[in-house]
């Protein structure tokens, strides 16, 4: 008998920042995934509100820009309800920042823009979680953000680096927030280079440099993402 497949909703802000390497992990683990477009869909719809898992993806806007992008307020309200109920929730980059804000923490422009592949340092608590493979030699994650956040009350810091103290946190039993991108599929990053062309130019980062760095780390990414995300989704209540 087939195991009952659970429902996951991926809340998307721009088309090219999607589930990437996480997609196959979810499929193998028995999750049916639907996409929701954050800017235009009804975030209070029961299919989103009651999803077994909510994944909030990245995007090129700031949490503090709700006046310009009113849907951000609705996202925060959705996350407030889910996190209060300890319902499975994953936030990536902007998604992590929205989770922090939903938990009452400050989100703000950081001192430096992080774009490119780099390491992170796990806290003692982080090393005991699904993120443990990030302590392996050569483990790299994709950073692509200029904003940061304070650690929410009640949250557990899992990772930091030289630029930002809060790179990942856990909240309750079922919520994980990642400032960096583990899901980024190297085959799809060409779309990121186009979609974020102005940001890359303003930051003085040559696409050729970023592309070469991606090629060097690409062979490790699928296996590491599968181990990390696979462990996390299998542990969900």
C-alpha atoms as a PDB file:
ATOM      1  CA  UNK A   1       0.000   0.000   0.000  1.00  0.00           C
ATOM      2  CA  UNK A   2       1.327   3.453  -0.908  1.00  0.00           C
ATOM      3  CA  UNK A   3       2.006   5.791   1.935  1.00  0.00           C
ATOM      4  CA  UNK A   4      -0.332   8.777   2.059  1.00  0.00           C
ATOM      5  CA  UNK A   5       1.325  11.708   0.297  1.00  0.00           C
ATOM      6  CA  UNK A   6       1.306  14.934   2.256  1.00  0.00           C
ATOM      7  CA  UNK A   7       0.765  18.420   0.865  1.00  0.00           C
ATOM      8  CA  UNK A   8       3.456  21.074   0.563  1.00  0.00           C
ATOM      9  CA  UNK A   9       3.012  24.617  -0.723  1.00  0.00           C
ATOM     10  CA  UNK A  10       5.982  26.586  -2.016  1.00  0.00           C
ATOM     11  CA  UNK A  11       5.454  30.320  -1.724  1.00  0.00           C
ATOM     12  CA  UNK A  12       7.351  31.904  -4.617  1.00  0.00           C
ATOM     13  CA  UNK A  13       8.335  35.556  -5.157  1.00  0.00           C
ATOM     14  CA  UNK A  14      10.120  35.333  -8.515  1.00  0.00           C
ATOM     15  CA  UNK A  15       9.768  32.457 -10.960  1.00  0.00           C
ATOM     16  CA  UNK A  16      13.425  31.473 -11.147  1.00  0.00           C
ATOM     17  CA  UNK A  17      13.939  31.159  -7.375  1.00  0.00           C
ATOM     18  CA  UNK A  18      12.102  27.883  -7.011  1.00  0.00           C
ATOM     19  CA  UNK A  19      12.579  24.607  -5.132  1.00  0.00           C
ATOM     20  CA  UNK A  20      15.613  23.548  -7.150  1.00  0.00           C
ATOM     21  CA  UNK A  21      17.367  20.588  -5.523  1.00  0.00           C
ATOM     22  CA  UNK A  22      14.675  20.365  -2.852  1.00  0.00           C
ATOM     23  CA  UNK A  23      12.043  19.312  -5.389  1.00  0.00           C
ATOM     24  CA  UNK A  24      13.279  15.739  -5.863  1.00  0.00           C
ATOM     25  CA  UNK A  25      13.842  15.332  -2.114  1.00  0.00           C
ATOM     26  CA  UNK A  26      10.217  16.173  -1.417  1.00  0.00           C
ATOM     27  CA  UNK A  27       8.940  13.881  -4.148  1.00  0.00           C
ATOM     28  CA  UNK A  28      10.923  10.903  -2.848  1.00  0.00           C
ATOM     29  CA  UNK A  29       9.765  11.612   0.705  1.00  0.00           C
ATOM     30  CA  UNK A  30       6.089  11.510  -0.311  1.00  0.00           C
ATOM     31  CA  UNK A  31       5.151  15.173  -0.613  1.00  0.00           C
ATOM     32  CA  UNK A  32       2.896  16.638  -3.302  1.00  0.00           C
ATOM     33  CA  UNK A  33       4.014  20.198  -4.000  1.00  0.00           C
ATOM     34  CA  UNK A  34       1.955  23.111  -5.300  1.00  0.00           C
ATOM     35  CA  UNK A  35       3.329  26.565  -6.033  1.00  0.00           C
ATOM     36  CA  UNK A  36       1.737  29.774  -4.818  1.00  0.00           C
ATOM     37  CA  UNK A  37       2.695  33.166  -6.250  1.00  0.00           C
ATOM     38  CA  UNK A  38       3.082  35.355  -3.178  1.00  0.00           C
ATOM     39  CA  UNK A  39       2.339  38.661  -4.885  1.00  0.00           C
ATOM     40  CA  UNK A  40      -0.982  37.702  -6.452  1.00  0.00           C
ATOM     41  CA  UNK A  41      -2.476  34.582  -4.856  1.00  0.00           C
ATOM     42  CA  UNK A  42      -4.860  34.502  -1.894  1.00  0.00           C
ATOM     43  CA  UNK A  43      -2.555  33.632   0.994  1.00  0.00           C
ATOM     44  CA  UNK A  44      -5.537  32.894   3.249  1.00  0.00           C
ATOM     45  CA  UNK A  45      -6.831  30.175   0.917  1.00  0.00           C
ATOM     46  CA  UNK A  46      -7.347  26.886   2.809  1.00  0.00           C
ATOM     47  CA  UNK A  47      -4.990  25.016   0.460  1.00  0.00           C
ATOM     48  CA  UNK A  48      -2.180  27.304   1.644  1.00  0.00           C
ATOM     49  CA  UNK A  49      -3.337  27.868   5.201  1.00  0.00           C
ATOM     50  CA  UNK A  50      -3.769  24.135   5.844  1.00  0.00           C
ATOM     51  CA  UNK A  51      -0.814  22.735   3.877  1.00  0.00           C
ATOM     52  CA  UNK A  52       1.135  20.107   5.768  1.00  0.00           C
ATOM     53  CA  UNK A  53       4.325  21.993   4.890  1.00  0.00           C
ATOM     54  CA  UNK A  54       4.874  25.602   3.861  1.00  0.00           C
ATOM     55  CA  UNK A  55       8.104  26.595   2.115  1.00  0.00           C
ATOM     56  CA  UNK A  56       8.743  30.329   1.706  1.00  0.00           C
ATOM     57  CA  UNK A  57      11.330  30.966  -0.988  1.00  0.00           C
ATOM     58  CA  UNK A  58      13.681  33.847  -1.758  1.00  0.00           C
ATOM     59  CA  UNK A  59      13.190  37.099  -3.602  1.00  0.00           C
ATOM     60  CA  UNK A  60      14.817  40.461  -4.325  1.00  0.00           C
ATOM     61  CA  UNK A  61      12.788  42.638  -1.937  1.00  0.00           C
ATOM     62  CA  UNK A  62      13.038  43.482   1.753  1.00  0.00           C
ATOM     63  CA  UNK A  63      10.697  42.479   4.566  1.00  0.00           C
ATOM     64  CA  UNK A  64      10.529  46.144   5.576  1.00  0.00           C
ATOM     65  CA  UNK A  65       9.103  47.164   2.162  1.00  0.00           C
ATOM     66  CA  UNK A  66       5.496  46.252   2.948  1.00  0.00           C
ATOM     67  CA  UNK A  67       4.248  49.705   1.974  1.00  0.00           C
ATOM     68  CA  UNK A  68       5.460  49.099  -1.575  1.00  0.00           C
ATOM     69  CA  UNK A  69       4.615  45.384  -1.529  1.00  0.00           C
ATOM     70  CA  UNK A  70       1.515  44.919   0.679  1.00  0.00           C
ATOM     71  CA  UNK A  71       1.434  41.144   0.181  1.00  0.00           C
ATOM     72  CA  UNK A  72       4.430  40.945   2.533  1.00  0.00           C
ATOM     73  CA  UNK A  73       2.105  41.796   5.416  1.00  0.00           C
ATOM     74  CA  UNK A  74      -0.150  38.886   4.462  1.00  0.00           C
ATOM     75  CA  UNK A  75       2.850  36.565   4.293  1.00  0.00           C
ATOM     76  CA  UNK A  76       3.956  37.608   7.757  1.00  0.00           C
ATOM     77  CA  UNK A  77       0.454  37.035   9.118  1.00  0.00           C
ATOM     78  CA  UNK A  78       0.367  33.574   7.528  1.00  0.00           C
ATOM     79  CA  UNK A  79       3.720  32.736   9.073  1.00  0.00           C
ATOM     80  CA  UNK A  80       2.646  34.073  12.473  1.00  0.00           C
ATOM     81  CA  UNK A  81      -0.265  31.629  12.497  1.00  0.00           C
ATOM     82  CA  UNK A  82       1.802  28.646  11.362  1.00  0.00           C
ATOM     83  CA  UNK A  83       4.682  29.259  13.750  1.00  0.00           C
ATOM     84  CA  UNK A  84       2.341  29.788  16.684  1.00  0.00           C
ATOM     85  CA  UNK A  85       0.858  26.373  15.924  1.00  0.00           C
ATOM     86  CA  UNK A  86       4.318  24.781  15.389  1.00  0.00           C
ATOM     87  CA  UNK A  87       3.320  23.684  11.886  1.00  0.00           C
ATOM     88  CA  UNK A  88       6.093  22.561   9.505  1.00  0.00           C
ATOM     89  CA  UNK A  89       7.618  25.635   7.897  1.00  0.00           C
ATOM     90  CA  UNK A  90      10.818  26.215   5.930  1.00  0.00           C
ATOM     91  CA  UNK A  91      12.089  29.678   5.040  1.00  0.00           C
ATOM     92  CA  UNK A  92      14.916  30.325   2.580  1.00  0.00           C
ATOM     93  CA  UNK A  93      16.635  33.728   2.315  1.00  0.00           C
ATOM     94  CA  UNK A  94      13.702  36.191   2.121  1.00  0.00           C
ATOM     95  CA  UNK A  95      11.603  33.374   3.568  1.00  0.00           C
ATOM     96  CA  UNK A  96      13.914  33.150   6.590  1.00  0.00           C
ATOM     97  CA  UNK A  97      13.722  36.917   7.054  1.00  0.00           C
ATOM     98  CA  UNK A  98       9.925  36.801   6.907  1.00  0.00           C
ATOM     99  CA  UNK A  99       9.935  34.047   9.539  1.00  0.00           C
ATOM    100  CA  UNK A 100      12.155  36.162  11.784  1.00  0.00           C
ATOM    101  CA  UNK A 101       9.803  39.129  11.397  1.00  0.00           C
ATOM    102  CA  UNK A 102       6.754  36.939  12.073  1.00  0.00           C
ATOM    103  CA  UNK A 103       8.423  35.947  15.348  1.00  0.00           C
ATOM    104  CA  UNK A 104       8.877  39.587  16.334  1.00  0.00           C
ATOM    105  CA  UNK A 105      12.526  40.078  15.351  1.00  0.00           C
ATOM    106  CA  UNK A 106      13.982  43.056  13.527  1.00  0.00           C
ATOM    107  CA  UNK A 107      14.875  42.645   9.826  1.00  0.00           C
ATOM    108  CA  UNK A 108      17.145  45.269   8.311  1.00  0.00           C
ATOM    109  CA  UNK A 109      19.755  46.059   5.667  1.00  0.00           C
ATOM    110  CA  UNK A 110      23.074  44.464   6.516  1.00  0.00           C
ATOM    111  CA  UNK A 111      26.520  46.012   6.547  1.00  0.00           C
ATOM    112  CA  UNK A 112      27.637  44.105   3.461  1.00  0.00           C
ATOM    113  CA  UNK A 113      26.030  42.319   0.544  1.00  0.00           C
ATOM    114  CA  UNK A 114      26.813  38.609   0.399  1.00  0.00           C
ATOM    115  CA  UNK A 115      26.652  37.099  -3.079  1.00  0.00           C
ATOM    116  CA  UNK A 116      28.550  33.943  -3.970  1.00  0.00           C
ATOM    117  CA  UNK A 117      29.625  30.582  -2.636  1.00  0.00           C
ATOM    118  CA  UNK A 118      31.075  30.382   0.847  1.00  0.00           C
ATOM    119  CA  UNK A 119      31.221  28.410   4.058  1.00  0.00           C
ATOM    120  CA  UNK A 120      29.203  28.824   7.216  1.00  0.00           C
ATOM    121  CA  UNK A 121      30.075  27.790  10.766  1.00  0.00           C
ATOM    122  CA  UNK A 122      27.625  25.634  12.652  1.00  0.00           C
ATOM    123  CA  UNK A 123      26.904  26.335  16.291  1.00  0.00           C
ATOM    124  CA  UNK A 124      27.076  23.438  18.718  1.00  0.00           C
ATOM    125  CA  UNK A 125      23.319  23.120  18.413  1.00  0.00           C
ATOM    126  CA  UNK A 126      23.471  23.361  14.629  1.00  0.00           C
ATOM    127  CA  UNK A 127      25.994  20.528  14.415  1.00  0.00           C
ATOM    128  CA  UNK A 128      23.430  18.241  16.038  1.00  0.00           C
ATOM    129  CA  UNK A 129      20.757  19.005  13.421  1.00  0.00           C
ATOM    130  CA  UNK A 130      20.147  18.140   9.780  1.00  0.00           C
ATOM    131  CA  UNK A 131      22.695  20.844   8.876  1.00  0.00           C
ATOM    132  CA  UNK A 132      25.599  18.684  10.119  1.00  0.00           C
ATOM    133  CA  UNK A 133      26.892  17.983   6.554  1.00  0.00           C
ATOM    134  CA  UNK A 134      27.745  21.692   6.257  1.00  0.00           C
ATOM    135  CA  UNK A 135      30.672  21.056   8.620  1.00  0.00           C
ATOM    136  CA  UNK A 136      32.300  18.725   6.087  1.00  0.00           C
ATOM    137  CA  UNK A 137      35.458  19.794   4.284  1.00  0.00           C
ATOM    138  CA  UNK A 138      34.667  21.883   1.246  1.00  0.00           C
ATOM    139  CA  UNK A 139      30.993  22.326   2.089  1.00  0.00           C
ATOM    140  CA  UNK A 140      29.752  25.508   0.439  1.00  0.00           C
ATOM    141  CA  UNK A 141      26.416  27.311   0.386  1.00  0.00           C
ATOM    142  CA  UNK A 142      25.163  30.021  -1.934  1.00  0.00           C
ATOM    143  CA  UNK A 143      24.767  33.418  -0.308  1.00  0.00           C
ATOM    144  CA  UNK A 144      22.609  35.973  -2.104  1.00  0.00           C
ATOM    145  CA  UNK A 145      21.354  38.631   0.280  1.00  0.00           C
ATOM    146  CA  UNK A 146      21.942  42.119   1.595  1.00  0.00           C
ATOM    147  CA  UNK A 147      19.524  42.026   4.524  1.00  0.00           C
ATOM    148  CA  UNK A 148      19.827  40.325   7.877  1.00  0.00           C
ATOM    149  CA  UNK A 149      17.800  39.847  11.066  1.00  0.00           C
ATOM    150  CA  UNK A 150      18.074  39.567  14.816  1.00  0.00           C
ATOM    151  CA  UNK A 151      17.623  36.139  16.334  1.00  0.00           C
ATOM    152  CA  UNK A 152      13.958  35.817  17.368  1.00  0.00           C
ATOM    153  CA  UNK A 153      13.104  35.175  21.004  1.00  0.00           C
ATOM    154  CA  UNK A 154      12.798  31.449  21.563  1.00  0.00           C
ATOM    155  CA  UNK A 155      14.709  30.553  18.393  1.00  0.00           C
ATOM    156  CA  UNK A 156      17.925  28.513  18.344  1.00  0.00           C
ATOM    157  CA  UNK A 157      20.831  29.836  16.273  1.00  0.00           C
ATOM    158  CA  UNK A 158      22.233  27.083  14.063  1.00  0.00           C
ATOM    159  CA  UNK A 159      24.838  28.795  11.893  1.00  0.00           C
ATOM    160  CA  UNK A 160      26.890  31.972  11.477  1.00  0.00           C
ATOM    161  CA  UNK A 161      29.728  33.285   9.351  1.00  0.00           C
ATOM    162  CA  UNK A 162      32.212  36.156   9.398  1.00  0.00           C
ATOM    163  CA  UNK A 163      29.686  38.617   7.976  1.00  0.00           C
ATOM    164  CA  UNK A 164      26.455  37.696   9.742  1.00  0.00           C
ATOM    165  CA  UNK A 165      25.805  36.117  13.106  1.00  0.00           C
ATOM    166  CA  UNK A 166      22.427  34.736  12.136  1.00  0.00           C
ATOM    167  CA  UNK A 167      22.629  32.471   9.092  1.00  0.00           C
ATOM    168  CA  UNK A 168      20.151  29.815  10.209  1.00  0.00           C
ATOM    169  CA  UNK A 169      17.782  29.174  13.094  1.00  0.00           C
ATOM    170  CA  UNK A 170      15.270  26.620  14.300  1.00  0.00           C
ATOM    171  CA  UNK A 171      12.042  27.430  16.069  1.00  0.00           C
ATOM    172  CA  UNK A 172       9.977  24.818  17.878  1.00  0.00           C
ATOM    173  CA  UNK A 173      10.046  21.287  16.522  1.00  0.00           C
ATOM    174  CA  UNK A 174       9.093  21.968  12.911  1.00  0.00           C
ATOM    175  CA  UNK A 175      10.404  25.326  11.690  1.00  0.00           C
ATOM    176  CA  UNK A 176      13.744  25.925   9.957  1.00  0.00           C
ATOM    177  CA  UNK A 177      15.019  29.233   8.586  1.00  0.00           C
ATOM    178  CA  UNK A 178      18.035  29.406   6.246  1.00  0.00           C
ATOM    179  CA  UNK A 179      19.518  32.740   5.189  1.00  0.00           C
ATOM    180  CA  UNK A 180      21.542  30.950   2.502  1.00  0.00           C
ATOM    181  CA  UNK A 181      20.532  28.767  -0.434  1.00  0.00           C
ATOM    182  CA  UNK A 182      20.957  25.000  -0.148  1.00  0.00           C
ATOM    183  CA  UNK A 183      18.254  24.418  -2.718  1.00  0.00           C
ATOM    184  CA  UNK A 184      19.964  26.266  -5.585  1.00  0.00           C
ATOM    185  CA  UNK A 185      20.360  23.936  -8.569  1.00  0.00           C
ATOM    186  CA  UNK A 186      23.589  24.822 -10.409  1.00  0.00           C
ATOM    187  CA  UNK A 187      21.913  24.015 -13.730  1.00  0.00           C
ATOM    188  CA  UNK A 188      19.291  26.688 -13.104  1.00  0.00           C
ATOM    189  CA  UNK A 189      21.564  29.452 -11.831  1.00  0.00           C
ATOM    190  CA  UNK A 190      21.915  30.888 -15.336  1.00  0.00           C
ATOM    191  CA  UNK A 191      18.373  32.193 -14.795  1.00  0.00           C
ATOM    192  CA  UNK A 192      19.498  33.834 -11.550  1.00  0.00           C
ATOM    193  CA  UNK A 193      22.372  35.562 -13.338  1.00  0.00           C
ATOM    194  CA  UNK A 194      19.901  37.091 -15.788  1.00  0.00           C
ATOM    195  CA  UNK A 195      17.187  37.866 -13.248  1.00  0.00           C
ATOM    196  CA  UNK A 196      19.641  39.516 -10.858  1.00  0.00           C
ATOM    197  CA  UNK A 197      21.817  41.138 -13.538  1.00  0.00           C
ATOM    198  CA  UNK A 198      21.399  44.671 -12.177  1.00  0.00           C
ATOM    199  CA  UNK A 199      22.169  43.566  -8.620  1.00  0.00           C
ATOM    200  CA  UNK A 200      25.315  41.752  -9.741  1.00  0.00           C
ATOM    201  CA  UNK A 201      26.469  44.763 -11.722  1.00  0.00           C
ATOM    202  CA  UNK A 202      25.843  47.122  -8.791  1.00  0.00           C
ATOM    203  CA  UNK A 203      27.806  44.792  -6.495  1.00  0.00           C
ATOM    204  CA  UNK A 204      30.676  44.583  -8.969  1.00  0.00           C
ATOM    205  CA  UNK A 205      30.467  40.793  -9.247  1.00  0.00           C
ATOM    206  CA  UNK A 206      31.301  39.450 -12.728  1.00  0.00           C
ATOM    207  CA  UNK A 207      28.939  36.720 -13.882  1.00  0.00           C
ATOM    208  CA  UNK A 208      31.932  34.815 -15.264  1.00  0.00           C
ATOM    209  CA  UNK A 209      33.447  34.700 -11.770  1.00  0.00           C
ATOM    210  CA  UNK A 210      30.234  33.472 -10.181  1.00  0.00           C
ATOM    211  CA  UNK A 211      29.719  30.901 -12.932  1.00  0.00           C
ATOM    212  CA  UNK A 212      33.232  29.503 -12.479  1.00  0.00           C
ATOM    213  CA  UNK A 213      32.742  29.196  -8.727  1.00  0.00           C
ATOM    214  CA  UNK A 214      29.461  27.369  -9.325  1.00  0.00           C
ATOM    215  CA  UNK A 215      31.154  24.858 -11.610  1.00  0.00           C
ATOM    216  CA  UNK A 216      33.743  24.084  -8.921  1.00  0.00           C
ATOM    217  CA  UNK A 217      31.188  23.277  -6.200  1.00  0.00           C
ATOM    218  CA  UNK A 218      28.417  21.770  -8.348  1.00  0.00           C
ATOM    219  CA  UNK A 219      29.398  18.079  -8.001  1.00  0.00           C
ATOM    220  CA  UNK A 220      28.769  18.137  -4.232  1.00  0.00           C
ATOM    221  CA  UNK A 221      25.511  20.041  -4.113  1.00  0.00           C
ATOM    222  CA  UNK A 222      22.859  17.426  -4.933  1.00  0.00           C
ATOM    223  CA  UNK A 223      24.143  14.867  -2.446  1.00  0.00           C
ATOM    224  CA  UNK A 224      24.494  17.387   0.357  1.00  0.00           C
ATOM    225  CA  UNK A 225      21.084  18.951  -0.253  1.00  0.00           C
ATOM    226  CA  UNK A 226      19.506  15.483  -0.331  1.00  0.00           C
ATOM    227  CA  UNK A 227      21.048  14.516   2.992  1.00  0.00           C
ATOM    228  CA  UNK A 228      20.155  17.774   4.717  1.00  0.00           C
ATOM    229  CA  UNK A 229      16.637  18.267   3.428  1.00  0.00           C
ATOM    230  CA  UNK A 230      15.930  14.528   3.513  1.00  0.00           C
ATOM    231  CA  UNK A 231      16.751  14.343   7.215  1.00  0.00           C
ATOM    232  CA  UNK A 232      14.696  17.446   7.951  1.00  0.00           C
ATOM    233  CA  UNK A 233      11.491  16.397   6.173  1.00  0.00           C
ATOM    234  CA  UNK A 234      11.618  12.884   7.603  1.00  0.00           C
ATOM    235  CA  UNK A 235      11.743  14.314  11.118  1.00  0.00           C
ATOM    236  CA  UNK A 236       8.654  16.518  10.713  1.00  0.00           C
ATOM    237  CA  UNK A 237       5.665  15.850  12.957  1.00  0.00           C
END
